[in-house]
Amino acid sequence: MSDVEALKAEIKKLSARAMDAKMNLHDLSEELPINWQQIMAIAQKAHDAFAALEQKRADLKVLETA
């Protein structure tokens, strides 16, 4: 498997994690004010998931243009 293919597979996994984190944040928002104490932890997980996804997409762009 080439570096590009491996990175695309990793991006696919990260995208699924990011969408899961997004849905968890969405679900929490619909239940507010119940579990309001979890806002920061769930938001941080969503932030981290999307940051990792964005970084890997940037890495892929660099590989594809090289």
PDB file of N, CA and C in Angstrom:
ATOM      1  N   MET A   1       0.854  -1.184   0.000  1.00  0.00           N
ATOM      2  CA  MET A   1       0.000   0.000   0.000  1.00  0.00           C
ATOM      3  C   MET A   1       0.896   1.243   0.000  1.00  0.00           C
ATOM      4  N   SER A   2       0.599   2.170  -0.880  1.00  0.00           N
ATOM      5  CA  SER A   2       1.401   3.384  -0.966  1.00  0.00           C
ATOM      6  C   SER A   2       1.096   4.334   0.192  1.00  0.00           C
ATOM      7  N   ASP A   3       1.952   5.317   0.355  1.00  0.00           N
ATOM      8  CA  ASP A   3       1.740   6.310   1.412  1.00  0.00           C
ATOM      9  C   ASP A   3       0.416   7.045   1.226  1.00  0.00           C
ATOM     10  N   VAL A   4       0.090   7.362  -0.016  1.00  0.00           N
ATOM     11  CA  VAL A   4      -1.155   8.081  -0.310  1.00  0.00           C
ATOM     12  C   VAL A   4      -2.359   7.209   0.050  1.00  0.00           C
ATOM     13  N   GLU A   5      -2.309   5.947  -0.330  1.00  0.00           N
ATOM     14  CA  GLU A   5      -3.417   5.041  -0.019  1.00  0.00           C
ATOM     15  C   GLU A   5      -3.574   4.845   1.487  1.00  0.00           C
ATOM     16  N   ALA A   6      -2.457   4.710   2.186  1.00  0.00           N
ATOM     17  CA  ALA A   6      -2.495   4.545   3.645  1.00  0.00           C
ATOM     18  C   ALA A   6      -3.069   5.794   4.303  1.00  0.00           C
ATOM     19  N   LEU A   7      -2.680   6.952   3.810  1.00  0.00           N
ATOM     20  CA  LEU A   7      -3.186   8.202   4.362  1.00  0.00           C
ATOM     21  C   LEU A   7      -4.680   8.357   4.085  1.00  0.00           C
ATOM     22  N   LYS A   8      -5.119   7.959   2.906  1.00  0.00           N
ATOM     23  CA  LYS A   8      -6.552   8.015   2.583  1.00  0.00           C
ATOM     24  C   LYS A   8      -7.357   7.089   3.497  1.00  0.00           C
ATOM     25  N   ALA A   9      -6.813   5.916   3.802  1.00  0.00           N
ATOM     26  CA  ALA A   9      -7.485   4.985   4.709  1.00  0.00           C
ATOM     27  C   ALA A   9      -7.556   5.581   6.116  1.00  0.00           C
ATOM     28  N   GLU A  10      -6.477   6.225   6.542  1.00  0.00           N
ATOM     29  CA  GLU A  10      -6.459   6.862   7.855  1.00  0.00           C
ATOM     30  C   GLU A  10      -7.459   8.023   7.909  1.00  0.00           C
ATOM     31  N   ILE A  11      -7.545   8.777   6.831  1.00  0.00           N
ATOM     32  CA  ILE A  11      -8.494   9.883   6.756  1.00  0.00           C
ATOM     33  C   ILE A  11      -9.924   9.371   6.849  1.00  0.00           C
ATOM     34  N   LYS A  12     -10.179   8.244   6.209  1.00  0.00           N
ATOM     35  CA  LYS A  12     -11.518   7.660   6.267  1.00  0.00           C
ATOM     36  C   LYS A  12     -11.888   7.306   7.717  1.00  0.00           C
ATOM     37  N   LYS A  13     -10.960   6.722   8.449  1.00  0.00           N
ATOM     38  CA  LYS A  13     -11.199   6.378   9.855  1.00  0.00           C
ATOM     39  C   LYS A  13     -11.377   7.631  10.703  1.00  0.00           C
ATOM     40  N   LEU A  14     -10.530   8.629  10.481  1.00  0.00           N
ATOM     41  CA  LEU A  14     -10.629   9.873  11.238  1.00  0.00           C
ATOM     42  C   LEU A  14     -11.933  10.600  10.928  1.00  0.00           C
ATOM     43  N   SER A  15     -12.371  10.520   9.686  1.00  0.00           N
ATOM     44  CA  SER A  15     -13.628  11.156   9.315  1.00  0.00           C
ATOM     45  C   SER A  15     -14.793  10.511  10.061  1.00  0.00           C
ATOM     46  N   ALA A  16     -14.773   9.198  10.167  1.00  0.00           N
ATOM     47  CA  ALA A  16     -15.825   8.495  10.908  1.00  0.00           C
ATOM     48  C   ALA A  16     -15.801   8.895  12.384  1.00  0.00           C
ATOM     49  N   ARG A  17     -14.610   9.006  12.956  1.00  0.00           N
ATOM     50  CA  ARG A  17     -14.498   9.429  14.357  1.00  0.00           C
ATOM     51  C   ARG A  17     -14.992  10.862  14.545  1.00  0.00           C
ATOM     52  N   ALA A  18     -14.665  11.719  13.593  1.00  0.00           N
ATOM     53  CA  ALA A  18     -15.091  13.113  13.681  1.00  0.00           C
ATOM     54  C   ALA A  18     -16.614  13.224  13.586  1.00  0.00           C
ATOM     55  N   MET A  19     -17.212  12.455  12.697  1.00  0.00           N
ATOM     56  CA  MET A  19     -18.675  12.484  12.571  1.00  0.00           C
ATOM     57  C   MET A  19     -19.346  11.934  13.828  1.00  0.00           C
ATOM     58  N   ASP A  20     -18.746  10.924  14.435  1.00  0.00           N
ATOM     59  CA  ASP A  20     -19.265  10.376  15.683  1.00  0.00           C
ATOM     60  C   ASP A  20     -19.181  11.428  16.794  1.00  0.00           C
ATOM     61  N   ALA A  21     -18.056  12.120  16.866  1.00  0.00           N
ATOM     62  CA  ALA A  21     -17.886  13.169  17.869  1.00  0.00           C
ATOM     63  C   ALA A  21     -18.883  14.306  17.643  1.00  0.00           C
ATOM     64  N   LYS A  22     -19.112  14.632  16.393  1.00  0.00           N
ATOM     65  CA  LYS A  22     -20.085  15.674  16.048  1.00  0.00           C
ATOM     66  C   LYS A  22     -21.483  15.276  16.516  1.00  0.00           C
ATOM     67  N   MET A  23     -21.837  14.033  16.286  1.00  0.00           N
ATOM     68  CA  MET A  23     -23.163  13.563  16.698  1.00  0.00           C
ATOM     69  C   MET A  23     -23.295  13.537  18.220  1.00  0.00           C
ATOM     70  N   ASN A  24     -22.221  13.168  18.912  1.00  0.00           N
ATOM     71  CA  ASN A  24     -22.257  13.194  20.376  1.00  0.00           C
ATOM     72  C   ASN A  24     -22.484  14.608  20.889  1.00  0.00           C
ATOM     73  N   LEU A  25     -21.823  15.569  20.262  1.00  0.00           N
ATOM     74  CA  LEU A  25     -21.998  16.967  20.644  1.00  0.00           C
ATOM     75  C   LEU A  25     -23.411  17.436  20.328  1.00  0.00           C
ATOM     76  N   HIS A  26     -23.915  17.040  19.191  1.00  0.00           N
ATOM     77  CA  HIS A  26     -25.278  17.390  18.783  1.00  0.00           C
ATOM     78  C   HIS A  26     -26.301  16.799  19.758  1.00  0.00           C
ATOM     79  N   ASP A  27     -26.117  15.526  20.087  1.00  0.00           N
ATOM     80  CA  ASP A  27     -27.036  14.873  21.024  1.00  0.00           C
ATOM     81  C   ASP A  27     -27.024  15.562  22.382  1.00  0.00           C
ATOM     82  N   LEU A  28     -25.835  15.919  22.842  1.00  0.00           N
ATOM     83  CA  LEU A  28     -25.732  16.626  24.117  1.00  0.00           C
ATOM     84  C   LEU A  28     -26.471  17.953  24.054  1.00  0.00           C
ATOM     85  N   SER A  29     -26.328  18.671  22.953  1.00  0.00           N
ATOM     86  CA  SER A  29     -26.972  19.979  22.835  1.00  0.00           C
ATOM     87  C   SER A  29     -28.489  19.864  22.880  1.00  0.00           C
ATOM     88  N   GLU A  30     -29.009  18.787  22.343  1.00  0.00           N
ATOM     89  CA  GLU A  30     -30.462  18.602  22.353  1.00  0.00           C
ATOM     90  C   GLU A  30     -30.994  18.247  23.738  1.00  0.00           C
ATOM     91  N   GLU A  31     -30.135  17.708  24.589  1.00  0.00           N
ATOM     92  CA  GLU A  31     -30.558  17.289  25.926  1.00  0.00           C
ATOM     93  C   GLU A  31     -30.348  18.369  26.989  1.00  0.00           C
ATOM     94  N   LEU A  32     -29.699  19.459  26.618  1.00  0.00           N
ATOM     95  CA  LEU A  32     -29.414  20.508  27.605  1.00  0.00           C
ATOM     96  C   LEU A  32     -30.697  21.009  28.247  1.00  0.00           C
ATOM     97  N   PRO A  33     -30.703  21.316  29.505  1.00  0.00           N
ATOM     98  CA  PRO A  33     -29.575  21.467  30.420  1.00  0.00           C
ATOM     99  C   PRO A  33     -29.126  20.176  31.097  1.00  0.00           C
ATOM    100  N   ILE A  34     -29.727  19.038  30.761  1.00  0.00           N
ATOM    101  CA  ILE A  34     -29.262  17.773  31.326  1.00  0.00           C
ATOM    102  C   ILE A  34     -27.833  17.526  30.861  1.00  0.00           C
ATOM    103  N   ASN A  35     -26.997  17.075  31.756  1.00  0.00           N
ATOM    104  CA  ASN A  35     -25.588  16.737  31.478  1.00  0.00           C
ATOM    105  C   ASN A  35     -24.765  17.934  30.997  1.00  0.00           C
ATOM    106  N   TRP A  36     -25.135  19.134  31.384  1.00  0.00           N
ATOM    107  CA  TRP A  36     -24.392  20.313  30.952  1.00  0.00           C
ATOM    108  C   TRP A  36     -22.926  20.243  31.393  1.00  0.00           C
ATOM    109  N   GLN A  37     -22.651  19.474  32.433  1.00  0.00           N
ATOM    110  CA  GLN A  37     -21.278  19.355  32.949  1.00  0.00           C
ATOM    111  C   GLN A  37     -20.349  18.676  31.944  1.00  0.00           C
ATOM    112  N   GLN A  38     -20.901  17.981  30.990  1.00  0.00           N
ATOM    113  CA  GLN A  38     -20.091  17.251  30.002  1.00  0.00           C
ATOM    114  C   GLN A  38     -19.765  18.075  28.761  1.00  0.00           C
ATOM    115  N   ILE A  39     -20.257  19.286  28.699  1.00  0.00           N
ATOM    116  CA  ILE A  39     -20.066  20.102  27.494  1.00  0.00           C
ATOM    117  C   ILE A  39     -18.593  20.207  27.104  1.00  0.00           C
ATOM    118  N   MET A  40     -17.753  20.592  28.045  1.00  0.00           N
ATOM    119  CA  MET A  40     -16.337  20.815  27.713  1.00  0.00           C
ATOM    120  C   MET A  40     -15.636  19.530  27.262  1.00  0.00           C
ATOM    121  N   ALA A  41     -15.903  18.423  27.928  1.00  0.00           N
ATOM    122  CA  ALA A  41     -15.238  17.166  27.573  1.00  0.00           C
ATOM    123  C   ALA A  41     -15.672  16.696  26.183  1.00  0.00           C
ATOM    124  N   ILE A  42     -16.949  16.750  25.908  1.00  0.00           N
ATOM    125  CA  ILE A  42     -17.456  16.292  24.603  1.00  0.00           C
ATOM    126  C   ILE A  42     -17.024  17.250  23.501  1.00  0.00           C
ATOM    127  N   ALA A  43     -17.056  18.537  23.778  1.00  0.00           N
ATOM    128  CA  ALA A  43     -16.607  19.519  22.789  1.00  0.00           C
ATOM    129  C   ALA A  43     -15.117  19.349  22.499  1.00  0.00           C
ATOM    130  N   GLN A  44     -14.317  19.057  23.506  1.00  0.00           N
ATOM    131  CA  GLN A  44     -12.877  18.854  23.305  1.00  0.00           C
ATOM    132  C   GLN A  44     -12.621  17.638  22.421  1.00  0.00           C
ATOM    133  N   LYS A  45     -13.380  16.570  22.644  1.00  0.00           N
ATOM    134  CA  LYS A  45     -13.223  15.378  21.798  1.00  0.00           C
ATOM    135  C   LYS A  45     -13.566  15.693  20.350  1.00  0.00           C
ATOM    136  N   ALA A  46     -14.632  16.464  20.136  1.00  0.00           N
ATOM    137  CA  ALA A  46     -15.012  16.848  18.774  1.00  0.00           C
ATOM    138  C   ALA A  46     -13.930  17.737  18.156  1.00  0.00           C
ATOM    139  N   HIS A  47     -13.438  18.680  18.922  1.00  0.00           N
ATOM    140  CA  HIS A  47     -12.377  19.570  18.445  1.00  0.00           C
ATOM    141  C   HIS A  47     -11.142  18.771  18.050  1.00  0.00           C
ATOM    142  N   ASP A  48     -10.720  17.862  18.907  1.00  0.00           N
ATOM    143  CA  ASP A  48      -9.532  17.056  18.636  1.00  0.00           C
ATOM    144  C   ASP A  48      -9.722  16.175  17.401  1.00  0.00           C
ATOM    145  N   ALA A  49     -10.904  15.598  17.255  1.00  0.00           N
ATOM    146  CA  ALA A  49     -11.178  14.733  16.108  1.00  0.00           C
ATOM    147  C   ALA A  49     -11.109  15.517  14.800  1.00  0.00           C
ATOM    148  N   PHE A  50     -11.713  16.701  14.780  1.00  0.00           N
ATOM    149  CA  PHE A  50     -11.697  17.500  13.555  1.00  0.00           C
ATOM    150  C   PHE A  50     -10.317  18.099  13.282  1.00  0.00           C
ATOM    151  N   ALA A  51      -9.567  18.418  14.333  1.00  0.00           N
ATOM    152  CA  ALA A  51      -8.203  18.924  14.142  1.00  0.00           C
ATOM    153  C   ALA A  51      -7.317  17.847  13.523  1.00  0.00           C
ATOM    154  N   ALA A  52      -7.438  16.617  14.016  1.00  0.00           N
ATOM    155  CA  ALA A  52      -6.648  15.512  13.466  1.00  0.00           C
ATOM    156  C   ALA A  52      -7.033  15.252  12.012  1.00  0.00           C
ATOM    157  N   LEU A  53      -8.317  15.284  11.723  1.00  0.00           N
ATOM    158  CA  LEU A  53      -8.795  15.072  10.355  1.00  0.00           C
ATOM    159  C   LEU A  53      -8.264  16.155   9.420  1.00  0.00           C
ATOM    160  N   GLU A  54      -8.335  17.396   9.846  1.00  0.00           N
ATOM    161  CA  GLU A  54      -7.845  18.504   9.019  1.00  0.00           C
ATOM    162  C   GLU A  54      -6.346  18.381   8.756  1.00  0.00           C
ATOM    163  N   GLN A  55      -5.591  17.975   9.776  1.00  0.00           N
ATOM    164  CA  GLN A  55      -4.146  17.820   9.610  1.00  0.00           C
ATOM    165  C   GLN A  55      -3.817  16.719   8.609  1.00  0.00           C
ATOM    166  N   LYS A  56      -4.511  15.603   8.709  1.00  0.00           N
ATOM    167  CA  LYS A  56      -4.250  14.498   7.779  1.00  0.00           C
ATOM    168  C   LYS A  56      -4.653  14.866   6.356  1.00  0.00           C
ATOM    169  N   ARG A  57      -5.718  15.635   6.209  1.00  0.00           N
ATOM    170  CA  ARG A  57      -6.104  16.089   4.870  1.00  0.00           C
ATOM    171  C   ARG A  57      -5.036  17.013   4.283  1.00  0.00           C
ATOM    172  N   ALA A  58      -4.452  17.853   5.111  1.00  0.00           N
ATOM    173  CA  ALA A  58      -3.376  18.728   4.668  1.00  0.00           C
ATOM    174  C   ALA A  58      -2.150  17.893   4.297  1.00  0.00           C
ATOM    175  N   ASP A  59      -1.853  16.861   5.087  1.00  0.00           N
ATOM    176  CA  ASP A  59      -0.728  15.980   4.783  1.00  0.00           C
ATOM    177  C   ASP A  59      -0.945  15.282   3.430  1.00  0.00           C
ATOM    178  N   LEU A  60      -2.167  14.851   3.178  1.00  0.00           N
ATOM    179  CA  LEU A  60      -2.487  14.196   1.913  1.00  0.00           C
ATOM    180  C   LEU A  60      -2.305  15.157   0.742  1.00  0.00           C
ATOM    181  N   LYS A  61      -2.738  16.378   0.917  1.00  0.00           N
ATOM    182  CA  LYS A  61      -2.617  17.382  -0.149  1.00  0.00           C
ATOM    183  C   LYS A  61      -1.133  17.592  -0.493  1.00  0.00           C
ATOM    184  N   VAL A  62      -0.297  17.639   0.530  1.00  0.00           N
ATOM    185  CA  VAL A  62       1.142  17.809   0.312  1.00  0.00           C
ATOM    186  C   VAL A  62       1.692  16.615  -0.458  1.00  0.00           C
ATOM    187  N   LEU A  63       1.312  15.408  -0.049  1.00  0.00           N
ATOM    188  CA  LEU A  63       1.790  14.196  -0.740  1.00  0.00           C
ATOM    189  C   LEU A  63       1.342  14.160  -2.194  1.00  0.00           C
ATOM    190  N   GLU A  64       0.099  14.547  -2.433  1.00  0.00           N
ATOM    191  CA  GLU A  64      -0.439  14.474  -3.787  1.00  0.00           C
ATOM    192  C   GLU A  64       0.158  15.536  -4.707  1.00  0.00           C
ATOM    193  N   THR A  65       0.601  16.645  -4.155  1.00  0.00           N
ATOM    194  CA  THR A  65       1.189  17.699  -4.992  1.00  0.00           C
ATOM    195  C   THR A  65       2.685  17.554  -5.139  1.00  0.00           C
ATOM    196  N   ALA A  66       3.273  16.652  -4.379  1.00  0.00           N
ATOM    197  CA  ALA A  66       4.741  16.462  -4.448  1.00  0.00           C
ATOM    198  C   ALA A  66       5.129  15.594  -5.622  1.00  0.00           C
TER     199      ALA A  66
END
